Structures are given as C-alpha cells and as structure tokens.
C-alpha cells in the first residue's frame, strides 16, 4: 500500500515530468546563481550599513524605510533570479 506522499509524487510526475539538464544548462544556472548571490550580498551590505547608521543616529523612521527598501530590492532580485533560471532551464 502506497503512502499519501508516494501517491502525490506519482500524480506530480505525470503532470510535470522531471527535466534532465545538460552540462551547459547546469553551467549557466551556476553562473546565474553566483551573479544573483553577489547582487543580494551587495544590497544587504550597502543598505545594511545605512540601516546601522540610521539606528545609531536614532532614526527609527528612517530605519523602517530602509528595511522596507531592502526587502523590496531583495524581492525584486529574487524574482529576476528565478525568471533567468527558468529561461535557462527551458533553453534547448
């Protein structure tokens, strides 16, 4: 008797079969990951420094604005990152 997990995995496999990636696609995906990890680190470092400065100066409102900006920037970077990875996966 199969578990609910096994049945769900079988249904998922019939809807979206597992794709095999070529070595070239794997290389492109690794480059994309590296690039976007660097972009995220850069934004966190840049805005993290501004947040620390604002916190030290006692600007709670400015800290909140900068945190929201960081969250918005990171969300945008991650969305772009996933789009590029999906295009690389679908490239023939």
PDB file of N, CA and C in Angstrom:
ATOM      1  N   UNK A   1       0.833  -1.173   0.000  1.00  0.00           N
ATOM      2  CA  UNK A   1       0.000   0.000   0.000  1.00  0.00           C
ATOM      3  C   UNK A   1       0.886   1.248   0.000  1.00  0.00           C
ATOM      4  N   UNK A   2       0.574   2.200  -0.870  1.00  0.00           N
ATOM      5  CA  UNK A   2       1.380   3.403  -1.005  1.00  0.00           C
ATOM      6  C   UNK A   2       0.905   4.489  -0.037  1.00  0.00           C
ATOM      7  N   UNK A   3       1.881   5.287   0.408  1.00  0.00           N
ATOM      8  CA  UNK A   3       1.544   6.395   1.301  1.00  0.00           C
ATOM      9  C   UNK A   3       0.967   7.552   0.486  1.00  0.00           C
ATOM     10  N   UNK A   4       0.355   8.482   1.182  1.00  0.00           N
ATOM     11  CA  UNK A   4      -0.205   9.658   0.516  1.00  0.00           C
ATOM     12  C   UNK A   4       0.903  10.433  -0.204  1.00  0.00           C
ATOM     13  N   UNK A   5       2.074  10.479   0.390  1.00  0.00           N
ATOM     14  CA  UNK A   5       3.213  11.167  -0.225  1.00  0.00           C
ATOM     15  C   UNK A   5       3.583  10.516  -1.552  1.00  0.00           C
ATOM     16  N   UNK A   6       3.671   9.212  -1.566  1.00  0.00           N
ATOM     17  CA  UNK A   6       4.030   8.499  -2.795  1.00  0.00           C
ATOM     18  C   UNK A   6       2.991   8.713  -3.884  1.00  0.00           C
ATOM     19  N   UNK A   7       1.716   8.678  -3.509  1.00  0.00           N
ATOM     20  CA  UNK A   7       0.654   8.921  -4.486  1.00  0.00           C
ATOM     21  C   UNK A   7       0.725  10.344  -5.041  1.00  0.00           C
ATOM     22  N   UNK A   8       0.978  11.307  -4.164  1.00  0.00           N
ATOM     23  CA  UNK A   8       1.093  12.705  -4.606  1.00  0.00           C
ATOM     24  C   UNK A   8       2.278  12.880  -5.547  1.00  0.00           C
ATOM     25  N   UNK A   9       3.386  12.236  -5.245  1.00  0.00           N
ATOM     26  CA  UNK A   9       4.569  12.337  -6.104  1.00  0.00           C
ATOM     27  C   UNK A   9       4.314  11.715  -7.473  1.00  0.00           C
ATOM     28  N   UNK A  10       3.569  10.621  -7.524  1.00  0.00           N
ATOM     29  CA  UNK A  10       3.232   9.999  -8.798  1.00  0.00           C
ATOM     30  C   UNK A  10       2.349  10.924  -9.635  1.00  0.00           C
ATOM     31  N   UNK A  11       1.365  11.555  -8.985  1.00  0.00           N
ATOM     32  CA  UNK A  11       0.492  12.485  -9.713  1.00  0.00           C
ATOM     33  C   UNK A  11       1.291  13.678 -10.221  1.00  0.00           C
ATOM     34  N   UNK A  12       2.190  14.164  -9.405  1.00  0.00           N
ATOM     35  CA  UNK A  12       3.012  15.299  -9.802  1.00  0.00           C
ATOM     36  C   UNK A  12       3.895  14.925 -10.987  1.00  0.00           C
ATOM     37  N   UNK A  13       4.449  13.749 -10.981  1.00  0.00           N
ATOM     38  CA  UNK A  13       5.334  13.299 -12.067  1.00  0.00           C
ATOM     39  C   UNK A  13       4.580  13.200 -13.382  1.00  0.00           C
ATOM     40  N   UNK A  14       3.324  12.844 -13.351  1.00  0.00           N
ATOM     41  CA  UNK A  14       2.571  12.748 -14.602  1.00  0.00           C
ATOM     42  C   UNK A  14       2.213  14.125 -15.138  1.00  0.00           C
ATOM     43  N   UNK A  15       2.054  15.109 -14.245  1.00  0.00           N
ATOM     44  CA  UNK A  15       1.721  16.470 -14.677  1.00  0.00           C
ATOM     45  C   UNK A  15       2.950  17.221 -15.177  1.00  0.00           C
ATOM     46  N   UNK A  16       4.043  17.076 -14.479  1.00  0.00           N
ATOM     47  CA  UNK A  16       5.267  17.814 -14.807  1.00  0.00           C
ATOM     48  C   UNK A  16       6.457  16.870 -14.700  1.00  0.00           C
ATOM     49  N   UNK A  17       6.793  16.181 -15.783  1.00  0.00           N
ATOM     50  CA  UNK A  17       7.899  15.230 -15.712  1.00  0.00           C
ATOM     51  C   UNK A  17       9.223  15.936 -15.381  1.00  0.00           C
ATOM     52  N   UNK A  18      10.088  15.218 -14.721  1.00  0.00           N
ATOM     53  CA  UNK A  18      11.389  15.749 -14.336  1.00  0.00           C
ATOM     54  C   UNK A  18      12.219  16.011 -15.587  1.00  0.00           C
ATOM     55  N   UNK A  19      12.792  17.200 -15.649  1.00  0.00           N
ATOM     56  CA  UNK A  19      13.625  17.543 -16.813  1.00  0.00           C
ATOM     57  C   UNK A  19      15.090  17.245 -16.508  1.00  0.00           C
ATOM     58  N   UNK A  20      15.753  16.701 -17.482  1.00  0.00           N
ATOM     59  CA  UNK A  20      17.190  16.482 -17.359  1.00  0.00           C
ATOM     60  C   UNK A  20      17.896  17.709 -17.911  1.00  0.00           C
ATOM     61  N   UNK A  21      18.839  18.227 -17.147  1.00  0.00           N
ATOM     62  CA  UNK A  21      19.590  19.401 -17.576  1.00  0.00           C
ATOM     63  C   UNK A  21      20.891  18.972 -18.238  1.00  0.00           C
ATOM     64  N   UNK A  22      21.253  19.702 -19.279  1.00  0.00           N
ATOM     65  CA  UNK A  22      22.534  19.449 -19.927  1.00  0.00           C
ATOM     66  C   UNK A  22      23.637  20.072 -19.089  1.00  0.00           C
ATOM     67  N   UNK A  23      24.870  19.695 -19.388  1.00  0.00           N
ATOM     68  CA  UNK A  23      26.001  20.287 -18.680  1.00  0.00           C
ATOM     69  C   UNK A  23      26.074  21.797 -18.921  1.00  0.00           C
ATOM     70  N   UNK A  24      25.739  22.209 -20.142  1.00  0.00           N
ATOM     71  CA  UNK A  24      25.756  23.637 -20.462  1.00  0.00           C
ATOM     72  C   UNK A  24      24.703  24.384 -19.640  1.00  0.00           C
ATOM     73  N   UNK A  25      23.521  23.790 -19.486  1.00  0.00           N
ATOM     74  CA  UNK A  25      22.474  24.420 -18.689  1.00  0.00           C
ATOM     75  C   UNK A  25      22.886  24.500 -17.218  1.00  0.00           C
ATOM     76  N   UNK A  26      23.510  23.454 -16.734  1.00  0.00           N
ATOM     77  CA  UNK A  26      23.977  23.450 -15.346  1.00  0.00           C
ATOM     78  C   UNK A  26      25.009  24.556 -15.126  1.00  0.00           C
ATOM     79  N   UNK A  27      25.894  24.737 -16.110  1.00  0.00           N
ATOM     80  CA  UNK A  27      26.912  25.778 -16.002  1.00  0.00           C
ATOM     81  C   UNK A  27      26.265  27.162 -15.998  1.00  0.00           C
ATOM     82  N   UNK A  28      25.298  27.373 -16.878  1.00  0.00           N
ATOM     83  CA  UNK A  28      24.600  28.657 -16.945  1.00  0.00           C
ATOM     84  C   UNK A  28      23.862  28.911 -15.636  1.00  0.00           C
ATOM     85  N   UNK A  29      23.196  27.895 -15.105  1.00  0.00           N
ATOM     86  CA  UNK A  29      22.481  28.046 -13.836  1.00  0.00           C
ATOM     87  C   UNK A  29      23.439  28.389 -12.698  1.00  0.00           C
ATOM     88  N   UNK A  30      24.603  27.776 -12.678  1.00  0.00           N
ATOM     89  CA  UNK A  30      25.597  28.074 -11.648  1.00  0.00           C
ATOM     90  C   UNK A  30      26.080  29.514 -11.761  1.00  0.00           C
ATOM     91  N   UNK A  31      26.276  29.992 -12.989  1.00  0.00           N
ATOM     92  CA  UNK A  31      26.697  31.376 -13.200  1.00  0.00           C
ATOM     93  C   UNK A  31      25.604  32.351 -12.750  1.00  0.00           C
ATOM     94  N   UNK A  32      24.364  32.014 -13.070  1.00  0.00           N
ATOM     95  CA  UNK A  32      23.234  32.856 -12.653  1.00  0.00           C
ATOM     96  C   UNK A  32      23.171  32.914 -11.129  1.00  0.00           C
ATOM     97  N   UNK A  33      23.296  31.752 -10.488  1.00  0.00           N
ATOM     98  CA  UNK A  33      23.270  31.715  -9.023  1.00  0.00           C
ATOM     99  C   UNK A  33      24.374  32.581  -8.429  1.00  0.00           C
ATOM    100  N   UNK A  34      25.554  32.450  -8.967  1.00  0.00           N
ATOM    101  CA  UNK A  34      26.691  33.224  -8.465  1.00  0.00           C
ATOM    102  C   UNK A  34      26.448  34.722  -8.614  1.00  0.00           C
ATOM    103  N   UNK A  35      25.962  35.127  -9.779  1.00  0.00           N
ATOM    104  CA  UNK A  35      25.705  36.540 -10.050  1.00  0.00           C
ATOM    105  C   UNK A  35      24.665  37.109  -9.095  1.00  0.00           C
ATOM    106  N   UNK A  36      23.573  36.385  -8.919  1.00  0.00           N
ATOM    107  CA  UNK A  36      22.483  36.904  -8.095  1.00  0.00           C
ATOM    108  C   UNK A  36      22.783  36.808  -6.604  1.00  0.00           C
ATOM    109  N   UNK A  37      23.578  35.849  -6.193  1.00  0.00           N
ATOM    110  CA  UNK A  37      24.012  35.813  -4.799  1.00  0.00           C
ATOM    111  C   UNK A  37      24.880  37.036  -4.501  1.00  0.00           C
ATOM    112  N   UNK A  38      25.705  37.417  -5.475  1.00  0.00           N
ATOM    113  CA  UNK A  38      26.536  38.610  -5.312  1.00  0.00           C
ATOM    114  C   UNK A  38      25.683  39.867  -5.263  1.00  0.00           C
ATOM    115  N   UNK A  39      24.650  39.940  -6.108  1.00  0.00           N
ATOM    116  CA  UNK A  39      23.758  41.100  -6.095  1.00  0.00           C
ATOM    117  C   UNK A  39      23.056  41.242  -4.751  1.00  0.00           C
ATOM    118  N   UNK A  40      22.598  40.127  -4.208  1.00  0.00           N
ATOM    119  CA  UNK A  40      21.926  40.150  -2.918  1.00  0.00           C
ATOM    120  C   UNK A  40      22.898  40.594  -1.822  1.00  0.00           C
ATOM    121  N   UNK A  41      24.094  40.037  -1.831  1.00  0.00           N
ATOM    122  CA  UNK A  41      25.092  40.414  -0.831  1.00  0.00           C
ATOM    123  C   UNK A  41      25.430  41.898  -0.925  1.00  0.00           C
ATOM    124  N   UNK A  42      25.523  42.417  -2.135  1.00  0.00           N
ATOM    125  CA  UNK A  42      25.836  43.841  -2.325  1.00  0.00           C
ATOM    126  C   UNK A  42      24.747  44.723  -1.742  1.00  0.00           C
ATOM    127  N   UNK A  43      23.477  44.390  -2.023  1.00  0.00           N
ATOM    128  CA  UNK A  43      22.366  45.197  -1.498  1.00  0.00           C
ATOM    129  C   UNK A  43      22.290  45.106   0.020  1.00  0.00           C
ATOM    130  N   UNK A  44      22.488  43.889   0.563  1.00  0.00           N
ATOM    131  CA  UNK A  44      22.447  43.720   2.012  1.00  0.00           C
ATOM    132  C   UNK A  44      23.571  44.500   2.686  1.00  0.00           C
ATOM    133  N   UNK A  45      24.732  44.497   2.089  1.00  0.00           N
ATOM    134  CA  UNK A  45      25.864  45.228   2.654  1.00  0.00           C
ATOM    135  C   UNK A  45      25.627  46.729   2.579  1.00  0.00           C
ATOM    136  N   UNK A  46      25.211  47.210   1.412  1.00  0.00           N
ATOM    137  CA  UNK A  46      25.001  48.638   1.217  1.00  0.00           C
ATOM    138  C   UNK A  46      23.898  49.172   2.128  1.00  0.00           C
ATOM    139  N   UNK A  47      22.717  48.552   2.034  1.00  0.00           N
ATOM    140  CA  UNK A  47      21.599  49.044   2.845  1.00  0.00           C
ATOM    141  C   UNK A  47      21.750  48.666   4.313  1.00  0.00           C
ATOM    142  N   UNK A  48      22.427  47.570   4.600  1.00  0.00           N
ATOM    143  CA  UNK A  48      22.696  47.200   5.989  1.00  0.00           C
ATOM    144  C   UNK A  48      23.540  48.250   6.682  1.00  0.00           C
ATOM    145  N   UNK A  49      24.504  48.790   5.959  1.00  0.00           N
ATOM    146  CA  UNK A  49      25.327  49.875   6.502  1.00  0.00           C
ATOM    147  C   UNK A  49      24.515  51.130   6.766  1.00  0.00           C
ATOM    148  N   UNK A  50      23.627  51.456   5.834  1.00  0.00           N
ATOM    149  CA  UNK A  50      22.759  52.619   6.012  1.00  0.00           C
ATOM    150  C   UNK A  50      21.808  52.413   7.195  1.00  0.00           C
ATOM    151  N   UNK A  51      21.285  51.198   7.323  1.00  0.00           N
ATOM    152  CA  UNK A  51      20.382  50.888   8.441  1.00  0.00           C
ATOM    153  C   UNK A  51      21.122  51.024   9.765  1.00  0.00           C
ATOM    154  N   UNK A  52      22.342  50.506   9.828  1.00  0.00           N
ATOM    155  CA  UNK A  52      23.133  50.605  11.059  1.00  0.00           C
ATOM    156  C   UNK A  52      23.413  52.064  11.401  1.00  0.00           C
ATOM    157  N   UNK A  53      23.732  52.873  10.408  1.00  0.00           N
ATOM    158  CA  UNK A  53      23.995  54.297  10.645  1.00  0.00           C
ATOM    159  C   UNK A  53      22.741  55.009  11.142  1.00  0.00           C
ATOM    160  N   UNK A  54      21.619  54.705  10.522  1.00  0.00           N
ATOM    161  CA  UNK A  54      20.357  55.331  10.930  1.00  0.00           C
ATOM    162  C   UNK A  54      19.972  54.902  12.342  1.00  0.00           C
ATOM    163  N   UNK A  55      20.195  53.632  12.656  1.00  0.00           N
ATOM    164  CA  UNK A  55      19.886  53.134  14.002  1.00  0.00           C
ATOM    165  C   UNK A  55      20.769  53.831  15.038  1.00  0.00           C
ATOM    166  N   UNK A  56      22.049  53.988  14.706  1.00  0.00           N
ATOM    167  CA  UNK A  56      22.979  54.653  15.627  1.00  0.00           C
ATOM    168  C   UNK A  56      22.597  56.115  15.841  1.00  0.00           C
ATOM    169  N   UNK A  57      22.041  56.748  14.817  1.00  0.00           N
ATOM    170  CA  UNK A  57      21.629  58.148  14.913  1.00  0.00           C
ATOM    171  C   UNK A  57      20.261  58.289  15.565  1.00  0.00           C
ATOM    172  N   UNK A  58      19.599  57.156  15.830  1.00  0.00           N
ATOM    173  CA  UNK A  58      18.296  57.200  16.490  1.00  0.00           C
ATOM    174  C   UNK A  58      17.136  57.464  15.558  1.00  0.00           C
ATOM    175  N   UNK A  59      17.310  57.256  14.272  1.00  0.00           N
ATOM    176  CA  UNK A  59      16.254  57.498  13.295  1.00  0.00           C
ATOM    177  C   UNK A  59      15.410  56.263  13.050  1.00  0.00           C
ATOM    178  N   UNK A  60      14.481  55.976  13.944  1.00  0.00           N
ATOM    179  CA  UNK A  60      13.656  54.773  13.829  1.00  0.00           C
ATOM    180  C   UNK A  60      12.832  54.772  12.541  1.00  0.00           C
ATOM    181  N   UNK A  61      12.325  55.925  12.167  1.00  0.00           N
ATOM    182  CA  UNK A  61      11.518  56.006  10.939  1.00  0.00           C
ATOM    183  C   UNK A  61      12.384  55.724   9.711  1.00  0.00           C
ATOM    184  N   UNK A  62      13.580  56.284   9.696  1.00  0.00           N
ATOM    185  CA  UNK A  62      14.494  56.049   8.577  1.00  0.00           C
ATOM    186  C   UNK A  62      14.909  54.576   8.515  1.00  0.00           C
ATOM    187  N   UNK A  63      15.112  53.955   9.672  1.00  0.00           N
ATOM    188  CA  UNK A  63      15.468  52.536   9.727  1.00  0.00           C
ATOM    189  C   UNK A  63      14.364  51.707   9.084  1.00  0.00           C
ATOM    190  N   UNK A  64      13.112  52.012   9.426  1.00  0.00           N
ATOM    191  CA  UNK A  64      11.984  51.267   8.876  1.00  0.00           C
ATOM    192  C   UNK A  64      11.894  51.450   7.361  1.00  0.00           C
ATOM    193  N   UNK A  65      12.103  52.669   6.882  1.00  0.00           N
ATOM    194  CA  UNK A  65      12.068  52.950   5.438  1.00  0.00           C
ATOM    195  C   UNK A  65      13.163  52.163   4.726  1.00  0.00           C
ATOM    196  N   UNK A  66      14.348  52.149   5.305  1.00  0.00           N
ATOM    197  CA  UNK A  66      15.466  51.424   4.693  1.00  0.00           C
ATOM    198  C   UNK A  66      15.239  49.915   4.713  1.00  0.00           C
ATOM    199  N   UNK A  67      14.640  49.402   5.780  1.00  0.00           N
ATOM    200  CA  UNK A  67      14.330  47.968   5.836  1.00  0.00           C
ATOM    201  C   UNK A  67      13.319  47.595   4.759  1.00  0.00           C
ATOM    202  N   UNK A  68      12.321  48.444   4.569  1.00  0.00           N
ATOM    203  CA  UNK A  68      11.331  48.189   3.523  1.00  0.00           C
ATOM    204  C   UNK A  68      11.983  48.234   2.142  1.00  0.00           C
ATOM    205  N   UNK A  69      12.895  49.183   1.962  1.00  0.00           N
ATOM    206  CA  UNK A  69      13.605  49.276   0.681  1.00  0.00           C
ATOM    207  C   UNK A  69      14.438  48.018   0.441  1.00  0.00           C
ATOM    208  N   UNK A  70      15.113  47.551   1.482  1.00  0.00           N
ATOM    209  CA  UNK A  70      15.921  46.335   1.358  1.00  0.00           C
ATOM    210  C   UNK A  70      15.039  45.142   1.010  1.00  0.00           C
ATOM    211  N   UNK A  71      13.915  44.999   1.698  1.00  0.00           N
ATOM    212  CA  UNK A  71      13.010  43.879   1.424  1.00  0.00           C
ATOM    213  C   UNK A  71      12.491  43.948  -0.007  1.00  0.00           C
ATOM    214  N   UNK A  72      12.139  45.136  -0.468  1.00  0.00           N
ATOM    215  CA  UNK A  72      11.628  45.321  -1.838  1.00  0.00           C
ATOM    216  C   UNK A  72      12.717  44.990  -2.863  1.00  0.00           C
ATOM    217  N   UNK A  73      13.932  45.478  -2.604  1.00  0.00           N
ATOM    218  CA  UNK A  73      15.045  45.203  -3.516  1.00  0.00           C
ATOM    219  C   UNK A  73      15.351  43.705  -3.589  1.00  0.00           C
ATOM    220  N   UNK A  74      15.389  43.052  -2.435  1.00  0.00           N
ATOM    221  CA  UNK A  74      15.698  41.620  -2.412  1.00  0.00           C
ATOM    222  C   UNK A  74      14.608  40.815  -3.097  1.00  0.00           C
ATOM    223  N   UNK A  75      13.357  41.204  -2.897  1.00  0.00           N
ATOM    224  CA  UNK A  75      12.247  40.514  -3.566  1.00  0.00           C
ATOM    225  C   UNK A  75      12.385  40.648  -5.083  1.00  0.00           C
ATOM    226  N   UNK A  76      12.711  41.839  -5.558  1.00  0.00           N
ATOM    227  CA  UNK A  76      12.887  42.054  -6.997  1.00  0.00           C
ATOM    228  C   UNK A  76      14.049  41.254  -7.560  1.00  0.00           C
ATOM    229  N   UNK A  77      15.150  41.227  -6.823  1.00  0.00           N
ATOM    230  CA  UNK A  77      16.322  40.467  -7.269  1.00  0.00           C
ATOM    231  C   UNK A  77      15.980  38.984  -7.337  1.00  0.00           C
ATOM    232  N   UNK A  78      15.292  38.477  -6.323  1.00  0.00           N
ATOM    233  CA  UNK A  78      14.951  37.045  -6.307  1.00  0.00           C
ATOM    234  C   UNK A  78      13.985  36.680  -7.431  1.00  0.00           C
ATOM    235  N   UNK A  79      13.035  37.563  -7.720  1.00  0.00           N
ATOM    236  CA  UNK A  79      12.109  37.306  -8.830  1.00  0.00           C
ATOM    237  C   UNK A  79      12.850  37.267 -10.156  1.00  0.00           C
ATOM    238  N   UNK A  80      13.735  38.231 -10.368  1.00  0.00           N
ATOM    239  CA  UNK A  80      14.540  38.268 -11.594  1.00  0.00           C
ATOM    240  C   UNK A  80      15.420  37.021 -11.685  1.00  0.00           C
ATOM    241  N   UNK A  81      15.995  36.631 -10.564  1.00  0.00           N
ATOM    242  CA  UNK A  81      16.853  35.448 -10.476  1.00  0.00           C
ATOM    243  C   UNK A  81      16.078  34.204 -10.920  1.00  0.00           C
ATOM    244  N   UNK A  82      14.887  34.016 -10.372  1.00  0.00           N
ATOM    245  CA  UNK A  82      14.081  32.846 -10.738  1.00  0.00           C
ATOM    246  C   UNK A  82      13.669  32.865 -12.206  1.00  0.00           C
ATOM    247  N   UNK A  83      13.351  34.040 -12.738  1.00  0.00           N
ATOM    248  CA  UNK A  83      12.978  34.147 -14.150  1.00  0.00           C
ATOM    249  C   UNK A  83      14.141  33.739 -15.042  1.00  0.00           C
ATOM    250  N   UNK A  84      15.339  34.221 -14.714  1.00  0.00           N
ATOM    251  CA  UNK A  84      16.513  33.866 -15.524  1.00  0.00           C
ATOM    252  C   UNK A  84      16.816  32.377 -15.438  1.00  0.00           C
ATOM    253  N   UNK A  85      16.666  31.809 -14.241  1.00  0.00           N
ATOM    254  CA  UNK A  85      16.910  30.377 -14.085  1.00  0.00           C
ATOM    255  C   UNK A  85      15.889  29.577 -14.873  1.00  0.00           C
ATOM    256  N   UNK A  86      14.648  29.992 -14.857  1.00  0.00           N
ATOM    257  CA  UNK A  86      13.599  29.278 -15.601  1.00  0.00           C
ATOM    258  C   UNK A  86      13.880  29.345 -17.107  1.00  0.00           C
ATOM    259  N   UNK A  87      14.306  30.528 -17.585  1.00  0.00           N
ATOM    260  CA  UNK A  87      14.655  30.636 -19.016  1.00  0.00           C
ATOM    261  C   UNK A  87      15.836  29.716 -19.350  1.00  0.00           C
ATOM    262  N   UNK A  88      16.808  29.629 -18.466  1.00  0.00           N
ATOM    263  CA  UNK A  88      17.965  28.763 -18.708  1.00  0.00           C
ATOM    264  C   UNK A  88      17.542  27.291 -18.713  1.00  0.00           C
ATOM    265  N   UNK A  89      16.637  26.930 -17.809  1.00  0.00           N
ATOM    266  CA  UNK A  89      16.162  25.544 -17.768  1.00  0.00           C
ATOM    267  C   UNK A  89      15.393  25.174 -19.039  1.00  0.00           C
ATOM    268  N   UNK A  90      14.650  26.142 -19.586  1.00  0.00           N
ATOM    269  CA  UNK A  90      13.830  25.868 -20.758  1.00  0.00           C
ATOM    270  C   UNK A  90      14.584  26.006 -22.072  1.00  0.00           C
ATOM    271  N   UNK A  91      15.800  26.536 -22.022  1.00  0.00           N
ATOM    272  CA  UNK A  91      16.596  26.687 -23.244  1.00  0.00           C
ATOM    273  C   UNK A  91      16.966  25.303 -23.778  1.00  0.00           C
ATOM    274  N   UNK A  92      16.925  25.202 -25.075  1.00  0.00           N
ATOM    275  CA  UNK A  92      17.209  23.895 -25.685  1.00  0.00           C
ATOM    276  C   UNK A  92      18.618  23.820 -26.176  1.00  0.00           C
TER     277      UNK A  92
END
